[in-house]
C-alpha atoms as a PDB file:
ATOM      1  CA  UNK A   1       0.039  -0.028  -0.140  1.00  0.00           C
ATOM      2  CA  UNK A   2       1.118   3.617  -0.553  1.00  0.00           C
ATOM      3  CA  UNK A   3       2.368   5.178   2.628  1.00  0.00           C
ATOM      4  CA  UNK A   4       0.360   8.299   2.859  1.00  0.00           C
ATOM      5  CA  UNK A   5       2.483   9.519   5.970  1.00  0.00           C
ATOM      6  CA  UNK A   6       5.474   9.886   3.960  1.00  0.00           C
ATOM      7  CA  UNK A   7       5.799  13.236   2.692  1.00  0.00           C
ATOM      8  CA  UNK A   8       5.997  13.732  -1.127  1.00  0.00           C
ATOM      9  CA  UNK A   9       8.531  15.971  -3.129  1.00  0.00           C
ATOM     10  CA  UNK A  10       6.018  18.309  -4.710  1.00  0.00           C
ATOM     11  CA  UNK A  11       3.358  18.239  -1.944  1.00  0.00           C
ATOM     12  CA  UNK A  12       0.243  16.210  -1.178  1.00  0.00           C
ATOM     13  CA  UNK A  13      -0.313  14.413  -4.321  1.00  0.00           C
ATOM     14  CA  UNK A  14      -0.592  10.790  -2.948  1.00  0.00           C
ATOM     15  CA  UNK A  15      -3.602   8.506  -3.209  1.00  0.00           C
ATOM     16  CA  UNK A  16      -4.594   5.442  -1.245  1.00  0.00           C
ATOM     17  CA  UNK A  17      -4.015   2.322  -3.127  1.00  0.00           C
ATOM     18  CA  UNK A  18      -1.442  -0.197  -4.129  1.00  0.00           C
ATOM     19  CA  UNK A  19       1.449   1.019  -6.228  1.00  0.00           C
ATOM     20  CA  UNK A  20       3.279  -2.411  -6.942  1.00  0.00           C
ATOM     21  CA  UNK A  21       2.479  -5.948  -6.140  1.00  0.00           C
ATOM     22  CA  UNK A  22       4.385  -9.210  -6.896  1.00  0.00           C
ATOM     23  CA  UNK A  23       3.654 -12.740  -5.949  1.00  0.00           C
ATOM     24  CA  UNK A  24       3.309 -16.216  -7.287  1.00  0.00           C
ATOM     25  CA  UNK A  25       0.159 -17.650  -8.968  1.00  0.00           C
ATOM     26  CA  UNK A  26       0.266 -21.488  -9.611  1.00  0.00           C
ATOM     27  CA  UNK A  27       3.497 -22.194 -11.030  1.00  0.00           C
ATOM     28  CA  UNK A  28       4.197 -18.744 -12.289  1.00  0.00           C
ATOM     29  CA  UNK A  29       5.092 -15.336 -10.987  1.00  0.00           C
ATOM     30  CA  UNK A  30       3.427 -11.899 -11.591  1.00  0.00           C
ATOM     31  CA  UNK A  31       4.611  -8.403 -11.045  1.00  0.00           C
ATOM     32  CA  UNK A  32       2.026  -5.626 -11.621  1.00  0.00           C
ATOM     33  CA  UNK A  33       2.910  -1.859 -11.288  1.00  0.00           C
ATOM     34  CA  UNK A  34       0.454   0.971 -11.138  1.00  0.00           C
ATOM     35  CA  UNK A  35       2.954   3.859 -10.985  1.00  0.00           C
ATOM     36  CA  UNK A  36       5.684   3.436 -13.701  1.00  0.00           C
ATOM     37  CA  UNK A  37       7.310   6.659 -13.564  1.00  0.00           C
ATOM     38  CA  UNK A  38       9.896   5.401 -11.364  1.00  0.00           C
ATOM     39  CA  UNK A  39      11.078   2.846 -14.158  1.00  0.00           C
ATOM     40  CA  UNK A  40      10.880   5.370 -17.119  1.00  0.00           C
ATOM     41  CA  UNK A  41      13.887   6.063 -19.120  1.00  0.00           C
ATOM     42  CA  UNK A  42      14.268   9.505 -17.562  1.00  0.00           C
ATOM     43  CA  UNK A  43      14.148   8.270 -14.054  1.00  0.00           C
ATOM     44  CA  UNK A  44      16.449   5.279 -14.765  1.00  0.00           C
ATOM     45  CA  UNK A  45      18.956   7.495 -16.554  1.00  0.00           C
ATOM     46  CA  UNK A  46      19.104   9.955 -13.592  1.00  0.00           C
ATOM     47  CA  UNK A  47      17.197  12.691 -15.586  1.00  0.00           C
ATOM     48  CA  UNK A  48      13.980  12.698 -13.345  1.00  0.00           C
ATOM     49  CA  UNK A  49      10.373  12.857 -14.192  1.00  0.00           C
ATOM     50  CA  UNK A  50       7.849  15.572 -14.195  1.00  0.00           C
ATOM     51  CA  UNK A  51      10.300  17.977 -12.685  1.00  0.00           C
ATOM     52  CA  UNK A  52      11.477  15.617  -9.935  1.00  0.00           C
ATOM     53  CA  UNK A  53      14.916  14.320  -9.871  1.00  0.00           C
ATOM     54  CA  UNK A  54      15.703  12.041  -6.810  1.00  0.00           C
ATOM     55  CA  UNK A  55      19.423  11.254  -6.694  1.00  0.00           C
ATOM     56  CA  UNK A  56      21.033   8.215  -5.327  1.00  0.00           C
ATOM     57  CA  UNK A  57      17.914   5.923  -5.990  1.00  0.00           C
ATOM     58  CA  UNK A  58      18.226   2.224  -6.815  1.00  0.00           C
ATOM     59  CA  UNK A  59      15.249   2.078  -9.225  1.00  0.00           C
ATOM     60  CA  UNK A  60      17.320   0.220 -12.035  1.00  0.00           C
ATOM     61  CA  UNK A  61      18.527  -2.357  -9.519  1.00  0.00           C
ATOM     62  CA  UNK A  62      14.964  -2.853  -8.092  1.00  0.00           C
ATOM     63  CA  UNK A  63      13.476  -3.163 -11.498  1.00  0.00           C
ATOM     64  CA  UNK A  64      16.395  -5.644 -12.621  1.00  0.00           C
ATOM     65  CA  UNK A  65      15.979  -7.930  -9.632  1.00  0.00           C
ATOM     66  CA  UNK A  66      12.007  -7.960  -9.969  1.00  0.00           C
ATOM     67  CA  UNK A  67      12.352  -8.535 -13.613  1.00  0.00           C
ATOM     68  CA  UNK A  68      14.665 -11.498 -13.022  1.00  0.00           C
ATOM     69  CA  UNK A  69      12.333 -12.966 -10.151  1.00  0.00           C
ATOM     70  CA  UNK A  70       9.267 -12.796 -12.470  1.00  0.00           C
ATOM     71  CA  UNK A  71      11.361 -14.574 -15.363  1.00  0.00           C
ATOM     72  CA  UNK A  72      12.752 -17.136 -12.789  1.00  0.00           C
ATOM     73  CA  UNK A  73      16.365 -16.076 -13.419  1.00  0.00           C
ATOM     74  CA  UNK A  74      16.897 -15.832  -9.644  1.00  0.00           C
ATOM     75  CA  UNK A  75      17.526 -19.576  -9.009  1.00  0.00           C
ATOM     76  CA  UNK A  76      20.979 -19.006  -7.720  1.00  0.00           C
ATOM     77  CA  UNK A  77      19.931 -16.624  -5.052  1.00  0.00           C
ATOM     78  CA  UNK A  78      17.842 -17.678  -1.894  1.00  0.00           C
END
């Protein structure tokens, strides 16, 4: 769930709801994202999005690990 207690960079624009969810379904894995701005080219390349540029973020690593997990490429990791 989106943490509404955490202050946003540009003011109060948060909404109640799930931003991202992942899990297993049967023998497969799923990953659904409702807010994809954090994995846009601008954000991943450090250029920001919509006037916001958060430095020292690990969005690329988060996306990479989740993508590998969904594709079942994580078998060497616990």
